[in-house]
Each structure stands twice: as C-alpha cells, then as structure tokens.
C-alpha atoms as a PDB file:
ATOM      1  CA  MET A   1     106.450  55.553  92.714  1.00  0.00           C
ATOM      2  CA  GLN A   2     105.802  56.024  89.197  1.00  0.00           C
ATOM      3  CA  GLY A   3     104.302  52.234  88.769  1.00  0.00           C
ATOM      4  CA  LYS A   4     102.159  52.366  90.942  1.00  0.00           C
ATOM      5  CA  ILE A   5     100.417  55.493  89.449  1.00  0.00           C
ATOM      6  CA  SER A   6      98.731  54.953  86.651  1.00  0.00           C
ATOM      7  CA  LEU A   7      98.606  58.122  84.892  1.00  0.00           C
ATOM      8  CA  THR A   8     100.259  61.353  84.446  1.00  0.00           C
ATOM      9  CA  PRO A   9      99.706  64.820  84.095  1.00  0.00           C
ATOM     10  CA  GLN A  10      99.895  64.721  80.256  1.00  0.00           C
ATOM     11  CA  GLU A  11      97.539  61.536  79.809  1.00  0.00           C
ATOM     12  CA  ILE A  12      95.229  63.709  81.399  1.00  0.00           C
ATOM     13  CA  LEU A  13      95.506  66.617  80.222  1.00  0.00           C
ATOM     14  CA  LYS A  14      95.308  64.767  76.703  1.00  0.00           C
ATOM     15  CA  LYS A  15      92.530  62.332  76.951  1.00  0.00           C
ATOM     16  CA  GLU A  16      89.824  62.442  74.814  1.00  0.00           C
ATOM     17  CA  PHE A  17      86.011  61.930  75.710  1.00  0.00           C
ATOM     18  CA  LYS A  18      83.084  61.154  73.344  1.00  0.00           C
ATOM     19  CA  ILE A  19      80.347  63.241  73.240  1.00  0.00           C
ATOM     20  CA  ASP A  20      76.663  62.518  74.188  1.00  0.00           C
ATOM     21  CA  MET A  21      73.548  64.095  74.060  1.00  0.00           C
ATOM     22  CA  ARG A  22      73.128  63.830  77.605  1.00  0.00           C
ATOM     23  CA  GLY A  23      76.741  64.290  78.513  1.00  0.00           C
ATOM     24  CA  TYR A  24      78.482  66.906  80.875  1.00  0.00           C
ATOM     25  CA  SER A  25      79.522  70.151  79.680  1.00  0.00           C
ATOM     26  CA  LEU A  26      82.618  70.537  78.320  1.00  0.00           C
ATOM     27  CA  LYS A  27      83.755  73.031  79.567  1.00  0.00           C
ATOM     28  CA  GLU A  28      83.091  72.265  83.517  1.00  0.00           C
ATOM     29  CA  VAL A  29      85.153  69.006  82.715  1.00  0.00           C
ATOM     30  CA  ASP A  30      88.433  70.441  81.344  1.00  0.00           C
ATOM     31  CA  GLN A  31      88.449  73.020  84.413  1.00  0.00           C
ATOM     32  CA  PHE A  32      88.330  69.813  86.550  1.00  0.00           C
ATOM     33  CA  LEU A  33      90.416  67.893  84.904  1.00  0.00           C
ATOM     34  CA  ASP A  34      93.213  70.967  84.307  1.00  0.00           C
ATOM     35  CA  GLU A  35      92.838  71.082  88.608  1.00  0.00           C
ATOM     36  CA  ILE A  36      93.575  67.193  88.755  1.00  0.00           C
ATOM     37  CA  ILE A  37      96.635  68.001  86.409  1.00  0.00           C
ATOM     38  CA  GLY A  38      97.854  70.971  88.857  1.00  0.00           C
ATOM     39  CA  ASP A  39      97.281  68.698  92.313  1.00  0.00           C
ATOM     40  CA  TYR A  40      99.136  65.354  90.180  1.00  0.00           C
ATOM     41  CA  GLU A  41     101.596  67.775  89.008  1.00  0.00           C
ATOM     42  CA  GLN A  42     102.171  69.106  92.655  1.00  0.00           C
ATOM     43  CA  PHE A  43     102.066  65.677  94.393  1.00  0.00           C
ATOM     44  CA  ASN A  44     104.942  64.717  91.469  1.00  0.00           C
ATOM     45  CA  VAL A  45     107.123  67.811  93.154  1.00  0.00           C
ATOM     46  CA  ILE A  46     106.185  66.489  96.844  1.00  0.00           C
ATOM     47  CA  ILE A  47     107.191  62.990  95.899  1.00  0.00           C
ATOM     48  CA  GLU A  48     110.729  64.080  93.994  1.00  0.00           C
ATOM     49  CA  ASN A  49     111.378  66.400  97.281  1.00  0.00           C
ATOM     50  CA  TYR A  50     110.463  63.664  99.789  1.00  0.00           C
ATOM     51  CA  GLU A  51     112.674  61.371  97.630  1.00  0.00           C
ATOM     52  CA  ALA A  52     115.483  63.684  97.689  1.00  0.00           C
ATOM     53  CA  LYS A  53     115.549  64.280 101.626  1.00  0.00           C
ATOM     54  CA  ILE A  54     115.177  60.266 102.065  1.00  0.00           C
ATOM     55  CA  GLU A  55     118.392  60.140  99.926  1.00  0.00           C
ATOM     56  CA  GLU A  56     120.173  62.523 101.966  1.00  0.00           C
ATOM     57  CA  TYR A  57     119.270  61.310 105.043  1.00  0.00           C
ATOM     58  CA  LEU A  58     120.366  57.901 104.473  1.00  0.00           C
ATOM     59  CA  LYS A  59     123.982  59.506 103.505  1.00  0.00           C
ATOM     60  CA  GLU A  60     124.259  61.135 106.594  1.00  0.00           C
ATOM     61  CA  ILE A  61     122.754  57.411 108.736  1.00  0.00           C
ATOM     62  CA  MET A  62     125.619  55.770 106.616  1.00  0.00           C
ATOM     63  CA  ASN A  63     128.069  58.717 107.997  1.00  0.00           C
ATOM     64  CA  LEU A  64     126.991  58.695 111.275  1.00  0.00           C
ATOM     65  CA  LYS A  65     127.118  54.696 111.305  1.00  0.00           C
ATOM     66  CA  GLN A  66     130.812  54.702 109.994  1.00  0.00           C
ATOM     67  CA  GLU A  67     131.109  57.584 112.482  1.00  0.00           C
ATOM     68  CA  LEU A  68     130.198  55.454 115.527  1.00  0.00           C
ATOM     69  CA  ARG A  69     131.907  52.381 114.577  1.00  0.00           C
ATOM     70  CA  ASN A  70     135.303  54.226 114.340  1.00  0.00           C
ATOM     71  CA  VAL A  71     134.220  56.004 118.119  1.00  0.00           C
ATOM     72  CA  LYS A  72     133.335  52.589 119.566  1.00  0.00           C
ATOM     73  CA  MET A  73     137.257  51.056 117.909  1.00  0.00           C
ATOM     74  CA  SER A  74     138.634  54.029 119.581  1.00  0.00           C
ATOM     75  CA  ILE A  75     136.897  53.455 122.883  1.00  0.00           C
ATOM     76  CA  ASP A  76     138.086  49.957 122.702  1.00  0.00           C
ATOM     77  CA  VAL A  77     141.636  50.693 121.724  1.00  0.00           C
ATOM     78  CA  ALA A  78     141.678  53.375 124.350  1.00  0.00           C
ATOM     79  CA  LYS A  79     140.473  50.596 127.065  1.00  0.00           C
ATOM     80  CA  THR A  80     143.105  48.305 126.376  1.00  0.00           C
ATOM     81  CA  GLY A  81     145.743  50.650 126.097  1.00  0.00           C
ATOM     82  CA  ASP A  82     144.909  52.798 129.123  1.00  0.00           C
ATOM     83  CA  LYS A  83     146.091  50.097 131.621  1.00  0.00           C
ATOM     84  CA  GLU A  84     149.125  49.716 129.751  1.00  0.00           C
ATOM     85  CA  VAL A  85     150.006  53.313 129.378  1.00  0.00           C
ATOM     86  CA  THR A  86     147.856  54.472 132.745  1.00  0.00           C
ATOM     87  CA  ASN A  87     150.109  51.724 135.010  1.00  0.00           C
ATOM     88  CA  LEU A  88     153.646  53.090 132.709  1.00  0.00           C
ATOM     89  CA  ASP A  89     152.325  56.648 133.566  1.00  0.00           C
ATOM     90  CA  VAL A  90     152.095  56.389 137.115  1.00  0.00           C
ATOM     91  CA  LEU A  91     155.070  54.690 137.297  1.00  0.00           C
ATOM     92  CA  ARG A  92     157.218  57.212 135.834  1.00  0.00           C
ATOM     93  CA  ARG A  93     155.121  59.973 138.162  1.00  0.00           C
ATOM     94  CA  ILE A  94     156.591  57.983 141.349  1.00  0.00           C
ATOM     95  CA  SER A  95     160.070  57.785 139.804  1.00  0.00           C
ATOM     96  CA  ASN A  96     159.615  61.666 139.191  1.00  0.00           C
ATOM     97  CA  LEU A  97     158.623  62.184 142.550  1.00  0.00           C
ATOM     98  CA  GLU A  98     161.185  59.934 144.491  1.00  0.00           C
ATOM     99  CA  LYS A  99     163.859  62.091 142.691  1.00  0.00           C
ATOM    100  CA  ILE A 100     162.687  64.658 143.587  1.00  0.00           C
ATOM    101  CA  VAL A 101     162.122  63.860 147.001  1.00  0.00           C
ATOM    102  CA  TYR A 102     165.016  62.448 147.232  1.00  0.00           C
ATOM    103  CA  GLY A 103     167.208  64.233 145.482  1.00  0.00           C
ATOM    104  CA  LYS A 104     165.708  67.343 147.856  1.00  0.00           C
ATOM    105  CA  ASP A 105     166.479  65.411 151.188  1.00  0.00           C
ATOM    106  CA  LYS A 106     169.922  65.072 149.932  1.00  0.00           C
ATOM    107  CA  ASP A 107     170.600  68.280 148.964  1.00  0.00           C
ATOM    108  CA  MET A 108     169.407  69.416 151.924  1.00  0.00           C
ATOM    109  CA  GLU A 109     171.576  67.095 154.235  1.00  0.00           C
ATOM    110  CA  ASP A 110     174.825  68.054 152.050  1.00  0.00           C
END
C-alpha cells in the first residue's frame, strides 16, 4: 500500500508554505494539516490491522485446505478399504454365528 500513497504524515507535518500578502491564515492551515495528519495516521493503523488480518486469514485458509486434502485422502482410503474390510468382517461374523448356532445345536443334541 505504501507505494500508492504519495504523502506520509511526516511529510505533511514538515511541509512549508510561502507566505503571500493575500495568503491563507497560517493558524487555519496548520489546524487543517493537523487534522489531515491525524487521519493519515489513523488510516495507516487501519491498513496495518487489515493487512495483519489478511495474513492471518491466508494462513487459516492454507491450513483448512491442507485439512480438506487430508480428509479427502482419508475418505478415498476408506472407500477402497471398506469393501475388503467389510467383506472380510462379514465373513468373520457369519463364521462366528455359525459356530454359535451349530455349536449350541450340537450341545443341545448331546
């Protein structure tokens, strides 16, 4: 931002004007320039705060993008792994159920 602003508060403060017979009141000019300097200083504070917030938000965006990538990768891994795990898990459950059912039936027959 600083490259686009032509005057700094210090340049305004140090500005000297030539005095002419039909010139403006020095007191009024000084008061007005003091107001301008105050505004410039306030604008600089506001700009610095916004730049800091922008930097903070960019970091947060980068972190969220990385987190999103990680979640997408986890989902992809889970999708490809679920079918195998699910099938294997189902077979184990069926086997356990058969053991329980047939094992109890054999116990009852004896």
